[in-house]
Amino acid sequence: MNFANRLKEIRTTNGVSQEKLAKQINVTQGMISQWEKGLCEPTATNICKIADFFGVCTDYLLGRQDWY
């Protein structure tokens, strides 16, 4: 699974809106949407912020492993 799919899956599974996630990591909702569509990828810093927010490792978000 790629980053775009993994992000959308973890966000929706946890009942978090794009807007809420955007506010938590200090980006726009439009940026979250672009990441989930695979139009662009977040910086390493933002990947770390997303991982911290959801309590998962970055390798999980990047699709390098299937467990948190």
C-alpha atoms as a PDB file:
ATOM      1  CA  MET A   1       0.000   0.000   0.000  1.00  0.00           C
ATOM      2  CA  ASN A   2       1.359   3.427  -0.882  1.00  0.00           C
ATOM      3  CA  PHE A   3       1.434   6.526   1.314  1.00  0.00           C
ATOM      4  CA  ALA A   4      -1.685   8.107  -0.224  1.00  0.00           C
ATOM      5  CA  ASN A   5      -3.829   5.045   0.459  1.00  0.00           C
ATOM      6  CA  ARG A   6      -2.353   4.447   3.897  1.00  0.00           C
ATOM      7  CA  LEU A   7      -2.975   8.053   4.967  1.00  0.00           C
ATOM      8  CA  LYS A   8      -6.600   7.998   3.857  1.00  0.00           C
ATOM      9  CA  GLU A   9      -7.160   4.604   5.476  1.00  0.00           C
ATOM     10  CA  ILE A  10      -5.709   5.550   8.859  1.00  0.00           C
ATOM     11  CA  ARG A  11      -7.444   8.923   8.853  1.00  0.00           C
ATOM     12  CA  THR A  12     -10.896   7.555   8.046  1.00  0.00           C
ATOM     13  CA  THR A  13     -10.514   4.513  10.328  1.00  0.00           C
ATOM     14  CA  ASN A  14      -9.812   6.896  13.201  1.00  0.00           C
ATOM     15  CA  GLY A  15     -12.713   9.194  12.290  1.00  0.00           C
ATOM     16  CA  VAL A  16     -10.462  12.183  11.659  1.00  0.00           C
ATOM     17  CA  SER A  17     -11.473  14.714   9.013  1.00  0.00           C
ATOM     18  CA  GLN A  18      -8.965  16.154   6.587  1.00  0.00           C
ATOM     19  CA  GLU A  19      -9.577  19.528   8.207  1.00  0.00           C
ATOM     20  CA  LYS A  20      -8.822  18.255  11.721  1.00  0.00           C
ATOM     21  CA  LEU A  21      -5.621  16.535  10.613  1.00  0.00           C
ATOM     22  CA  ALA A  22      -4.562  19.644   8.709  1.00  0.00           C
ATOM     23  CA  LYS A  23      -5.017  21.825  11.799  1.00  0.00           C
ATOM     24  CA  GLN A  24      -3.088  19.365  13.977  1.00  0.00           C
ATOM     25  CA  ILE A  25      -0.035  19.330  11.716  1.00  0.00           C
ATOM     26  CA  ASN A  26      -0.316  22.944  10.541  1.00  0.00           C
ATOM     27  CA  VAL A  27      -1.046  22.488   6.830  1.00  0.00           C
ATOM     28  CA  THR A  28      -4.119  23.206   4.719  1.00  0.00           C
ATOM     29  CA  GLN A  29      -6.977  20.785   4.165  1.00  0.00           C
ATOM     30  CA  GLY A  30      -6.198  21.040   0.451  1.00  0.00           C
ATOM     31  CA  MET A  31      -2.701  19.719   1.106  1.00  0.00           C
ATOM     32  CA  ILE A  32      -4.096  16.665   2.915  1.00  0.00           C
ATOM     33  CA  SER A  33      -6.403  16.087  -0.053  1.00  0.00           C
ATOM     34  CA  GLN A  34      -3.489  16.276  -2.505  1.00  0.00           C
ATOM     35  CA  TRP A  35      -1.486  13.788  -0.436  1.00  0.00           C
ATOM     36  CA  GLU A  36      -4.408  11.368  -0.330  1.00  0.00           C
ATOM     37  CA  LYS A  37      -4.884  11.634  -4.092  1.00  0.00           C
ATOM     38  CA  GLY A  38      -1.187  10.987  -4.635  1.00  0.00           C
ATOM     39  CA  LEU A  39      -0.696  14.316  -6.387  1.00  0.00           C
ATOM     40  CA  CYS A  40       2.232  15.215  -4.136  1.00  0.00           C
ATOM     41  CA  GLU A  41       3.970  13.857  -1.068  1.00  0.00           C
ATOM     42  CA  PRO A  42       4.560  15.447   2.330  1.00  0.00           C
ATOM     43  CA  THR A  43       7.930  16.456   3.641  1.00  0.00           C
ATOM     44  CA  ALA A  44       9.732  14.175   6.075  1.00  0.00           C
ATOM     45  CA  THR A  45       8.768  16.567   8.860  1.00  0.00           C
ATOM     46  CA  ASN A  46       5.077  16.288   8.007  1.00  0.00           C
ATOM     47  CA  ILE A  47       5.298  12.502   7.747  1.00  0.00           C
ATOM     48  CA  CYS A  48       6.702  12.495  11.287  1.00  0.00           C
ATOM     49  CA  LYS A  49       3.902  14.786  12.484  1.00  0.00           C
ATOM     50  CA  ILE A  50       1.273  12.491  10.954  1.00  0.00           C
ATOM     51  CA  ALA A  51       2.905   9.425  12.509  1.00  0.00           C
ATOM     52  CA  ASP A  52       2.992  11.118  15.918  1.00  0.00           C
ATOM     53  CA  PHE A  53      -0.639  12.218  15.628  1.00  0.00           C
ATOM     54  CA  PHE A  54      -1.866   8.693  14.857  1.00  0.00           C
ATOM     55  CA  GLY A  55       0.651   6.934  17.106  1.00  0.00           C
ATOM     56  CA  VAL A  56       2.200   4.884  14.315  1.00  0.00           C
ATOM     57  CA  CYS A  57       5.701   4.581  12.909  1.00  0.00           C
ATOM     58  CA  THR A  58       6.738   6.337   9.730  1.00  0.00           C
ATOM     59  CA  ASP A  59       7.512   3.012   8.021  1.00  0.00           C
ATOM     60  CA  TYR A  60       3.858   2.053   8.434  1.00  0.00           C
ATOM     61  CA  LEU A  61       2.714   5.297   6.788  1.00  0.00           C
ATOM     62  CA  LEU A  62       5.187   4.841   3.962  1.00  0.00           C
ATOM     63  CA  GLY A  63       3.977   1.303   3.314  1.00  0.00           C
ATOM     64  CA  ARG A  64       7.282  -0.270   4.299  1.00  0.00           C
ATOM     65  CA  GLN A  65       5.607  -2.436   6.944  1.00  0.00           C
ATOM     66  CA  ASP A  66       2.065  -3.583   7.611  1.00  0.00           C
ATOM     67  CA  TRP A  67       1.967  -3.097  11.383  1.00  0.00           C
ATOM     68  CA  TYR A  68       2.112   0.038  13.500  1.00  0.00           C
END
